């Protein structure tokens, strides 16, 4: 005897209906998805169309400006001065060999009385006068005095350094014949200049030069030669 099934307990009775409903819902869902418009693409940058525009660089030509002129240098004015030659009076030069046993000729000095001249308004010192000043007793007497003072007194420094030559001494012969303002115009060093100055400063009075018959102050210059004698 075949068993009969209860229709209410048959699970396959409505399976076709449920399948059709599910199929419809799936198709509707897929269709609805394709109908949705996607928004928000505006903020997405298209990398395939990146702008290659470059900022235009202006070609500005270089303008060379001339350098500022150098400052003017004010040069000091050069004044040409004529070389002054030392005027040597026409006096004989004697060689003074410094010897211990040199014989010196004695010269007698004669005192000369001079008339008192009238006061000169200006104490001018003349370089050239009508009557030249001269030593008392003459040039020979003056150089005899110089030789006597220098004999045996050769400066040690000059002797050690073998210095010899001529020292030119300038001085002023005053109106009374005294010697002042003695200086070496051209020297040789080694102590010779100082010794020559001292000898002239201590020399006897001279006969003053005259201008228009009156004694005046005048310049004089004498050469004094130093010769070093080699010892045996």
Protein backbone atom coordinates (compact mmCIF):
# COMPACT_ATOMS: atom_id res chain seq x y z
CA UNK A 1 0.00 0.00 0.00
CA UNK A 2 1.60 3.33 -1.09
CA UNK A 3 1.93 6.06 1.54
CA UNK A 4 0.40 9.44 0.65
CA UNK A 5 2.20 12.80 1.31
CA UNK A 6 0.58 15.71 3.07
CA UNK A 7 0.46 18.67 0.59
CA UNK A 8 1.06 21.21 3.37
CA UNK A 9 4.28 19.50 4.41
CA UNK A 10 5.77 19.38 0.86
CA UNK A 11 8.76 21.73 0.82
CA UNK A 12 8.99 21.82 -2.97
CA UNK A 13 5.52 22.97 -3.52
CA UNK A 14 6.40 26.79 -3.77
CA UNK A 15 10.03 26.55 -4.85
CA UNK A 16 9.29 27.84 -8.36
CA UNK A 17 7.65 30.99 -6.98
CA UNK A 18 10.55 31.80 -4.72
CA UNK A 19 13.07 31.27 -7.54
CA UNK A 20 11.25 33.72 -9.81
CA UNK A 21 11.03 36.34 -7.05
CA UNK A 22 14.78 36.07 -6.33
CA UNK A 23 15.63 36.30 -10.01
CA UNK A 24 13.54 39.43 -10.38
CA UNK A 25 15.16 41.13 -7.41
CA UNK A 26 18.66 40.35 -8.69
CA UNK A 27 17.94 41.73 -12.12
CA UNK A 28 16.37 44.87 -10.62
CA UNK A 29 19.37 45.43 -8.37
CA UNK A 30 21.84 45.14 -11.23
CA UNK A 31 19.80 47.46 -13.41
CA UNK A 32 19.54 50.03 -10.64
CA UNK A 33 23.28 50.05 -10.10
CA UNK A 34 23.93 50.88 -13.75
CA UNK A 35 21.41 53.72 -13.60
CA UNK A 36 23.23 55.52 -10.74
CA UNK A 37 25.34 58.55 -11.92
CA UNK A 38 28.63 58.73 -10.16
CA UNK A 39 29.51 62.25 -8.98
CA UNK A 40 32.71 63.66 -7.48
CA UNK A 41 34.88 63.28 -10.58
CA UNK A 42 35.35 67.00 -10.58
CA UNK A 43 38.06 66.80 -7.85
CA UNK A 44 40.04 64.11 -9.68
CA UNK A 45 42.94 65.45 -11.71
CA UNK A 46 43.40 64.00 -15.14
CA UNK A 47 47.03 62.91 -15.00
CA UNK A 48 47.04 62.33 -18.72
CA UNK A 49 46.51 66.02 -19.44
CA UNK A 50 49.02 67.63 -17.14
CA UNK A 51 49.68 71.12 -18.36
CA UNK A 52 53.16 71.54 -19.72
CA UNK A 53 52.83 75.31 -19.87
CA UNK A 54 56.02 76.99 -18.64
CA UNK A 55 56.41 80.42 -17.27
CA UNK A 56 57.73 82.62 -19.96
CA UNK A 57 61.29 83.88 -19.14
CA UNK A 58 61.92 87.32 -20.45
CA UNK A 59 65.25 87.65 -22.18
CA UNK A 60 66.49 90.92 -20.66
CA UNK A 61 69.63 92.13 -22.42
CA UNK A 62 72.56 92.92 -20.16
CA UNK A 63 73.40 96.58 -20.07
CA UNK A 64 77.03 97.28 -19.28
CA UNK A 65 77.32 100.48 -17.32
CA UNK A 66 80.62 102.31 -17.57
CA UNK A 67 82.63 102.20 -14.33
CA UNK A 68 82.65 105.40 -12.33
CA UNK A 69 85.59 107.65 -13.13
CA UNK A 70 88.47 107.27 -10.67
CA UNK A 71 88.75 110.03 -8.11
CA UNK A 72 91.01 112.83 -9.13
CA UNK A 73 94.30 112.71 -7.29
CA UNK A 74 95.67 116.12 -6.66
CA UNK A 75 99.39 115.95 -7.12
CA UNK A 76 101.55 118.16 -5.05
CA UNK A 77 103.14 120.85 -7.10
CA UNK A 78 106.80 120.14 -7.63
CA UNK A 79 108.90 123.22 -7.49
CA UNK A 80 112.20 122.93 -9.21
CA UNK A 81 114.98 124.25 -7.08
CA UNK A 82 118.28 124.97 -8.66
CA UNK A 83 121.18 123.07 -7.17
CA UNK A 84 123.18 125.40 -5.08
CA UNK A 85 126.86 124.91 -5.42
CA UNK A 86 129.04 125.43 -2.41
CA UNK A 87 131.23 128.39 -3.16
CA UNK A 88 134.73 127.75 -1.97
CA UNK A 89 136.80 130.81 -1.34
CA UNK A 90 140.06 130.97 -3.20
CA UNK A 91 142.13 129.87 -0.24
CA UNK A 92 145.10 127.52 -0.49
CA UNK A 93 144.57 124.01 0.85
CA UNK A 94 147.40 122.48 2.78
CA UNK A 95 147.84 118.81 3.50
CA UNK A 96 148.04 118.19 7.19
CA UNK A 97 149.77 114.96 7.95
CA UNK A 98 149.19 114.11 11.57
CA UNK A 99 152.65 113.53 12.91
CA UNK A 100 153.63 113.51 16.54
CA UNK A 101 156.93 115.31 15.92
CA UNK A 102 155.76 117.84 13.34
CA UNK A 103 157.66 121.10 13.44
CA UNK A 104 155.30 124.06 13.56
CA UNK A 105 156.55 127.44 12.46
CA UNK A 106 155.88 130.03 15.08
CA UNK A 107 153.84 132.92 13.82
CA UNK A 108 153.63 136.15 15.74
CA UNK A 109 150.12 137.57 15.85
CA UNK A 110 149.82 141.31 15.74
CA UNK A 111 146.97 143.04 17.49
CA UNK A 112 145.09 145.35 15.17
CA UNK A 113 143.15 148.27 16.52
CA UNK A 114 139.98 148.92 14.60
CA UNK A 115 138.11 152.16 14.56
CA UNK A 116 134.71 151.82 16.13
CA UNK A 117 132.28 151.73 13.21
CA UNK A 118 128.94 153.43 13.27
CA UNK A 119 125.99 151.28 14.22
CA UNK A 120 124.45 149.50 11.28
CA UNK A 121 120.70 149.57 11.16
CA UNK A 122 120.48 146.08 9.69
CA UNK A 123 122.77 143.27 10.81
CA UNK A 124 122.99 141.82 7.32
CA UNK A 125 125.48 139.05 6.62
CA UNK A 126 127.14 139.54 3.25
CA UNK A 127 128.22 136.68 1.01
CA UNK A 128 130.17 139.00 -1.28
CA UNK A 129 131.86 142.16 -0.04
CA UNK A 130 134.16 144.72 -1.56
CA UNK A 131 137.02 143.78 0.78
CA UNK A 132 137.12 140.13 1.83
CA UNK A 133 137.69 139.14 5.45
CA UNK A 134 141.06 137.47 6.07
CA UNK A 135 142.99 135.91 8.94
CA UNK A 136 145.31 138.08 10.99
CA UNK A 137 148.77 137.39 9.61
CA UNK A 138 147.38 136.01 6.36
CA UNK A 139 146.20 132.63 5.14
CA UNK A 140 149.54 130.99 5.88
CA UNK A 141 149.34 131.99 9.53
CA UNK A 142 145.79 130.61 9.81
CA UNK A 143 146.72 127.22 8.38
CA UNK A 144 149.80 127.07 10.56
CA UNK A 145 147.47 127.45 13.55
CA UNK A 146 145.18 124.72 12.19
CA UNK A 147 148.10 122.35 11.60
CA UNK A 148 149.34 122.93 15.14
CA UNK A 149 145.93 122.15 16.61
CA UNK A 150 145.44 119.01 14.55
CA UNK A 151 148.95 117.60 14.86
CA UNK A 152 148.77 114.29 16.72
CA UNK A 153 145.01 114.66 17.27
CA UNK A 154 143.65 112.60 14.38
CA UNK A 155 140.17 111.38 15.45
CA UNK A 156 140.41 107.75 16.68
CA UNK A 157 137.25 106.67 14.85
CA UNK A 158 138.46 108.13 11.56
CA UNK A 159 141.87 106.53 12.05
CA UNK A 160 140.33 103.14 12.81
CA UNK A 161 138.03 103.36 9.78
CA UNK A 162 140.74 104.83 7.53
CA UNK A 163 138.71 108.00 6.88
CA UNK A 164 140.45 110.94 5.26
CA UNK A 165 139.47 113.83 3.03
CA UNK A 166 138.47 117.50 3.10
CA UNK A 167 136.01 119.13 5.50
CA UNK A 168 134.53 122.43 4.31
CA UNK A 169 133.83 124.79 7.22
CA UNK A 170 131.60 127.84 6.86
CA UNK A 171 131.48 130.60 9.47
CA UNK A 172 130.66 134.27 9.95
CA UNK A 173 133.33 136.90 10.52
CA UNK A 174 131.72 139.52 12.72
CA UNK A 175 132.39 143.22 12.44
CA UNK A 176 134.84 142.97 15.34
CA UNK A 177 136.70 140.05 13.69
CA UNK A 178 135.33 137.31 15.97
CA UNK A 179 134.25 133.96 14.52
CA UNK A 180 130.62 132.81 14.96
CA UNK A 181 128.07 130.39 13.50
CA UNK A 182 130.65 127.75 12.58
CA UNK A 183 129.28 124.70 10.75
CA UNK A 184 130.50 121.91 8.48
CA UNK A 185 128.95 122.35 5.04
CA UNK A 186 130.52 119.17 3.69
CA UNK A 187 132.08 116.62 6.00
CA UNK A 188 133.68 113.19 5.99
CA UNK A 189 132.54 111.85 9.37
CA UNK A 190 134.48 109.79 11.84
CA UNK A 191 134.88 112.78 14.17
CA UNK A 192 136.76 114.90 11.62
CA UNK A 193 133.85 117.34 11.16
CA UNK A 194 133.54 118.04 14.88
CA UNK A 195 137.28 118.53 15.29
CA UNK A 196 137.47 120.94 12.36
CA UNK A 197 134.56 122.98 13.76
CA UNK A 198 136.21 123.22 17.18
CA UNK A 199 139.54 124.34 15.71
CA UNK A 200 137.89 127.12 13.68
CA UNK A 201 135.72 128.26 16.60
CA UNK A 202 138.83 128.71 18.75
CA UNK A 203 140.90 130.40 16.05
CA UNK A 204 142.25 133.97 16.54
CA UNK A 205 140.18 136.90 15.31
CA UNK A 206 140.09 137.76 11.64
CA UNK A 207 140.19 141.10 9.88
CA UNK A 208 136.51 141.74 9.02
CA UNK A 209 135.32 142.33 5.51
CA UNK A 210 134.35 145.81 4.40
CA UNK A 211 131.50 147.19 2.37
CA UNK A 212 131.65 150.87 1.34
CA UNK A 213 134.59 151.30 3.66
CA UNK A 214 132.80 149.98 6.76
CA UNK A 215 133.33 146.65 8.55
CA UNK A 216 130.42 144.29 7.97
CA UNK A 217 129.46 140.76 8.86
CA UNK A 218 130.39 138.34 6.09
CA UNK A 219 130.43 134.63 5.34
CA UNK A 220 133.68 132.75 4.88
CA UNK A 221 134.46 129.14 4.05
CA UNK A 222 137.75 127.31 4.48
CA UNK A 223 138.72 123.74 3.53
CA UNK A 224 140.57 121.62 6.08
CA UNK A 225 142.19 118.48 4.74
CA UNK A 226 142.67 115.36 6.85
CA UNK A 227 145.35 112.96 5.59
CA UNK A 228 145.96 109.75 7.48
CA UNK A 229 149.64 108.83 7.46
CA UNK A 230 150.29 105.09 7.45
CA UNK A 231 152.38 104.01 10.39
CA UNK A 232 155.55 102.03 9.79
